[in-house]
Every structure is written in C-alpha cells, then in structure tokens.
Amino acid sequence: MQTIETLERAGAERLTDQEIVDRVRAGDTALYEIIMRRYNQRLYRVARAILRDDAESEDVMQDAYVRAYQHLDQFAGRAPFST
C-alpha cells in the first residue's frame, strides 16, 4: 500500500527524471516504476521495430530496464534519461 501512495504522490509532484533517479539512488526504489511507465511505449516501439517479434521485444525491454536500474549510479544527468 505504501508503494502505491509513494507512486501517486510522486506522480502528482511531476518529478523530473533526474529527481526520480536521485530519489531511487537514495533508496526510494518504488519510484523507478515511474521511469518505466514514462518510457515503456517508446522502448517497446523501438524494440519491436528492430526485432519484429512481440515476445522478444518484451524480453529486451525487461532486460534494458534491469540493466538501467543496475547502472543508475553511472547516470550523470548530462543527457535526458530517455537516451
């Protein structure tokens, strides 16, 4: 229940990607879902255009989100998170 409240509150605050990344790094890991929701459609479209397979595209997306999360400490914020 607390996770849902955190996501709703963060969504209402209209946090920037950098603010979300900073808060995830600080331990508010539930906010990573906001990043995933913001870029889910874009990432799926790119993966689907390249792979031409729905299931494979979803697998690639999941892997991309996990790797991005694992390497959040390397995000310097010099470019948009979407890149």
N, C-alpha and C. Protein backbone atom coordinates (compact mmCIF):
# COMPACT_ATOMS: atom_id res chain seq x y z
N MET A 1 0.81 -1.19 0.00
CA MET A 1 0.00 0.00 0.00
C MET A 1 0.86 1.25 0.00
N GLN A 2 1.97 1.22 0.73
CA GLN A 2 2.85 2.37 0.80
C GLN A 2 3.47 2.67 -0.56
N THR A 3 3.76 1.63 -1.32
CA THR A 3 4.34 1.81 -2.66
C THR A 3 3.38 2.57 -3.55
N ILE A 4 2.11 2.22 -3.51
CA ILE A 4 1.10 2.90 -4.34
C ILE A 4 1.01 4.36 -3.94
N GLU A 5 0.99 4.63 -2.66
CA GLU A 5 0.92 6.01 -2.19
C GLU A 5 2.15 6.80 -2.62
N THR A 6 3.32 6.18 -2.55
CA THR A 6 4.55 6.84 -2.97
C THR A 6 4.50 7.18 -4.44
N LEU A 7 4.03 6.25 -5.26
CA LEU A 7 3.96 6.49 -6.70
C LEU A 7 2.94 7.57 -7.03
N GLU A 8 1.81 7.53 -6.36
CA GLU A 8 0.78 8.55 -6.61
C GLU A 8 1.29 9.93 -6.22
N ARG A 9 1.94 10.02 -5.08
CA ARG A 9 2.46 11.30 -4.61
C ARG A 9 3.54 11.82 -5.56
N ALA A 10 4.43 10.95 -5.99
CA ALA A 10 5.50 11.35 -6.89
C ALA A 10 4.94 11.75 -8.25
N GLY A 11 3.92 11.03 -8.71
CA GLY A 11 3.29 11.39 -9.98
C GLY A 11 2.62 12.74 -9.90
N ALA A 12 2.00 13.01 -8.77
CA ALA A 12 1.33 14.29 -8.58
C ALA A 12 2.34 15.43 -8.50
N GLU A 13 3.54 15.13 -8.03
CA GLU A 13 4.58 16.16 -7.92
C GLU A 13 5.23 16.45 -9.27
N ARG A 14 4.99 15.64 -10.26
CA ARG A 14 5.59 15.80 -11.59
C ARG A 14 7.10 15.90 -11.51
N LEU A 15 7.69 14.90 -10.92
CA LEU A 15 9.13 14.88 -10.76
C LEU A 15 9.83 14.73 -12.10
N THR A 16 10.98 15.37 -12.23
CA THR A 16 11.79 15.19 -13.43
C THR A 16 12.47 13.84 -13.35
N ASP A 17 12.99 13.38 -14.47
CA ASP A 17 13.72 12.12 -14.48
C ASP A 17 14.90 12.17 -13.52
N GLN A 18 15.61 13.29 -13.51
CA GLN A 18 16.77 13.42 -12.62
C GLN A 18 16.35 13.34 -11.16
N GLU A 19 15.24 13.97 -10.82
CA GLU A 19 14.76 13.91 -9.43
C GLU A 19 14.38 12.48 -9.05
N ILE A 20 13.76 11.78 -9.97
CA ILE A 20 13.39 10.39 -9.70
C ILE A 20 14.64 9.54 -9.52
N VAL A 21 15.60 9.70 -10.41
CA VAL A 21 16.85 8.93 -10.30
C VAL A 21 17.53 9.21 -8.97
N ASP A 22 17.59 10.46 -8.58
CA ASP A 22 18.20 10.82 -7.30
C ASP A 22 17.49 10.15 -6.14
N ARG A 23 16.17 10.13 -6.19
CA ARG A 23 15.40 9.52 -5.09
C ARG A 23 15.52 8.00 -5.10
N VAL A 24 15.60 7.40 -6.27
CA VAL A 24 15.80 5.95 -6.35
C VAL A 24 17.16 5.60 -5.77
N ARG A 25 18.17 6.38 -6.14
CA ARG A 25 19.52 6.16 -5.60
C ARG A 25 19.53 6.30 -4.07
N ALA A 26 18.68 7.17 -3.56
CA ALA A 26 18.61 7.40 -2.12
C ALA A 26 17.79 6.33 -1.39
N GLY A 27 17.23 5.39 -2.14
CA GLY A 27 16.53 4.28 -1.51
C GLY A 27 15.04 4.20 -1.78
N ASP A 28 14.48 5.19 -2.46
CA ASP A 28 13.04 5.17 -2.77
C ASP A 28 12.84 4.42 -4.09
N THR A 29 13.17 3.14 -4.08
CA THR A 29 13.24 2.33 -5.30
C THR A 29 11.90 2.17 -6.01
N ALA A 30 10.80 2.33 -5.30
CA ALA A 30 9.49 2.18 -5.94
C ALA A 30 9.28 3.22 -7.04
N LEU A 31 9.98 4.34 -6.94
CA LEU A 31 9.81 5.39 -7.95
C LEU A 31 10.36 4.99 -9.32
N TYR A 32 11.17 3.96 -9.37
CA TYR A 32 11.70 3.51 -10.66
C TYR A 32 10.56 3.12 -11.60
N GLU A 33 9.45 2.72 -11.03
CA GLU A 33 8.28 2.39 -11.85
C GLU A 33 7.83 3.57 -12.68
N ILE A 34 7.96 4.78 -12.16
CA ILE A 34 7.57 5.97 -12.92
C ILE A 34 8.42 6.10 -14.16
N ILE A 35 9.72 5.88 -14.02
CA ILE A 35 10.61 5.91 -15.18
C ILE A 35 10.17 4.87 -16.20
N MET A 36 9.88 3.68 -15.73
CA MET A 36 9.46 2.61 -16.64
C MET A 36 8.17 2.98 -17.37
N ARG A 37 7.23 3.54 -16.65
CA ARG A 37 5.96 3.93 -17.28
C ARG A 37 6.14 5.06 -18.29
N ARG A 38 7.03 5.99 -17.99
CA ARG A 38 7.27 7.11 -18.91
C ARG A 38 7.82 6.66 -20.25
N TYR A 39 8.68 5.66 -20.24
CA TYR A 39 9.39 5.28 -21.45
C TYR A 39 9.00 3.93 -22.01
N ASN A 40 8.02 3.28 -21.42
CA ASN A 40 7.62 1.95 -21.84
C ASN A 40 7.19 1.89 -23.30
N GLN A 41 6.32 2.77 -23.69
CA GLN A 41 5.82 2.74 -25.07
C GLN A 41 6.92 3.02 -26.08
N ARG A 42 7.76 4.00 -25.79
CA ARG A 42 8.85 4.35 -26.70
C ARG A 42 9.83 3.18 -26.85
N LEU A 43 10.21 2.60 -25.73
CA LEU A 43 11.16 1.50 -25.77
C LEU A 43 10.57 0.29 -26.50
N TYR A 44 9.30 0.03 -26.24
CA TYR A 44 8.66 -1.11 -26.92
C TYR A 44 8.64 -0.88 -28.44
N ARG A 45 8.30 0.31 -28.85
CA ARG A 45 8.25 0.60 -30.29
C ARG A 45 9.60 0.42 -30.96
N VAL A 46 10.64 0.87 -30.31
CA VAL A 46 11.99 0.72 -30.86
C VAL A 46 12.36 -0.76 -30.95
N ALA A 47 12.15 -1.48 -29.86
CA ALA A 47 12.49 -2.90 -29.84
C ALA A 47 11.67 -3.67 -30.87
N ARG A 48 10.39 -3.36 -30.97
CA ARG A 48 9.51 -4.06 -31.91
C ARG A 48 9.89 -3.78 -33.35
N ALA A 49 10.28 -2.55 -33.63
CA ALA A 49 10.70 -2.18 -34.99
C ALA A 49 11.95 -2.94 -35.41
N ILE A 50 12.82 -3.18 -34.46
CA ILE A 50 14.07 -3.88 -34.78
C ILE A 50 13.86 -5.39 -34.81
N LEU A 51 13.18 -5.92 -33.83
CA LEU A 51 13.08 -7.37 -33.67
C LEU A 51 11.90 -7.99 -34.41
N ARG A 52 10.85 -7.22 -34.61
CA ARG A 52 9.64 -7.69 -35.30
C ARG A 52 9.01 -8.92 -34.63
N ASP A 53 9.13 -8.96 -33.30
CA ASP A 53 8.57 -10.07 -32.53
C ASP A 53 8.14 -9.52 -31.17
N ASP A 54 6.86 -9.67 -30.84
CA ASP A 54 6.33 -9.10 -29.60
C ASP A 54 7.01 -9.67 -28.36
N ALA A 55 7.10 -10.97 -28.27
CA ALA A 55 7.67 -11.60 -27.08
C ALA A 55 9.14 -11.24 -26.91
N GLU A 56 9.87 -11.27 -27.98
CA GLU A 56 11.29 -10.93 -27.92
C GLU A 56 11.47 -9.46 -27.54
N SER A 57 10.60 -8.61 -28.04
CA SER A 57 10.66 -7.19 -27.71
C SER A 57 10.43 -6.96 -26.22
N GLU A 58 9.48 -7.69 -25.66
CA GLU A 58 9.20 -7.57 -24.23
C GLU A 58 10.38 -8.07 -23.40
N ASP A 59 11.02 -9.14 -23.84
CA ASP A 59 12.21 -9.64 -23.14
C ASP A 59 13.33 -8.61 -23.16
N VAL A 60 13.54 -8.00 -24.30
CA VAL A 60 14.59 -6.99 -24.44
C VAL A 60 14.29 -5.79 -23.56
N MET A 61 13.02 -5.39 -23.52
CA MET A 61 12.63 -4.27 -22.66
C MET A 61 12.92 -4.57 -21.20
N GLN A 62 12.54 -5.74 -20.76
CA GLN A 62 12.77 -6.11 -19.37
C GLN A 62 14.26 -6.08 -19.05
N ASP A 63 15.05 -6.63 -19.93
CA ASP A 63 16.49 -6.63 -19.73
C ASP A 63 17.04 -5.20 -19.70
N ALA A 64 16.55 -4.35 -20.57
CA ALA A 64 17.00 -2.96 -20.61
C ALA A 64 16.67 -2.24 -19.31
N TYR A 65 15.47 -2.44 -18.78
CA TYR A 65 15.09 -1.79 -17.52
C TYR A 65 15.93 -2.30 -16.36
N VAL A 66 16.20 -3.59 -16.32
CA VAL A 66 17.02 -4.14 -15.24
C VAL A 66 18.44 -3.59 -15.32
N ARG A 67 19.00 -3.55 -16.51
CA ARG A 67 20.36 -3.04 -16.68
C ARG A 67 20.44 -1.55 -16.35
N ALA A 68 19.44 -0.80 -16.77
CA ALA A 68 19.43 0.63 -16.45
C ALA A 68 19.37 0.83 -14.94
N TYR A 69 18.56 0.04 -14.27
CA TYR A 69 18.46 0.13 -12.81
C TYR A 69 19.79 -0.22 -12.14
N GLN A 70 20.41 -1.27 -12.62
CA GLN A 70 21.68 -1.71 -12.04
C GLN A 70 22.78 -0.65 -12.21
N HIS A 71 22.65 0.18 -13.22
CA HIS A 71 23.70 1.16 -13.51
C HIS A 71 23.26 2.60 -13.28
N LEU A 72 22.25 2.79 -12.46
CA LEU A 72 21.78 4.15 -12.16
C LEU A 72 22.89 5.02 -11.58
N ASP A 73 23.82 4.41 -10.88
CA ASP A 73 24.91 5.17 -10.29
C ASP A 73 25.81 5.80 -11.36
N GLN A 74 25.72 5.32 -12.58
CA GLN A 74 26.52 5.87 -13.67
C GLN A 74 25.79 6.98 -14.44
N PHE A 75 24.52 7.18 -14.14
CA PHE A 75 23.74 8.23 -14.82
C PHE A 75 24.18 9.58 -14.31
N ALA A 76 24.80 10.37 -15.18
CA ALA A 76 25.35 11.67 -14.76
C ALA A 76 24.37 12.80 -14.97
N GLY A 77 23.30 12.56 -15.70
CA GLY A 77 22.30 13.60 -15.91
C GLY A 77 22.69 14.63 -16.96
N ARG A 78 23.74 14.36 -17.72
CA ARG A 78 24.16 15.31 -18.77
C ARG A 78 23.26 15.22 -20.00
N ALA A 79 22.52 14.14 -20.09
CA ALA A 79 21.59 13.94 -21.20
C ALA A 79 20.27 13.45 -20.58
N PRO A 80 19.18 13.55 -21.31
CA PRO A 80 17.92 13.03 -20.78
C PRO A 80 18.01 11.54 -20.47
N PHE A 81 17.27 11.10 -19.48
CA PHE A 81 17.28 9.69 -19.11
C PHE A 81 16.84 8.83 -20.30
N SER A 82 15.96 9.34 -21.11
CA SER A 82 15.43 8.56 -22.23
C SER A 82 16.51 8.10 -23.21
N THR A 83 17.62 8.81 -23.26
CA THR A 83 18.69 8.40 -24.17
C THR A 83 19.41 7.19 -23.63
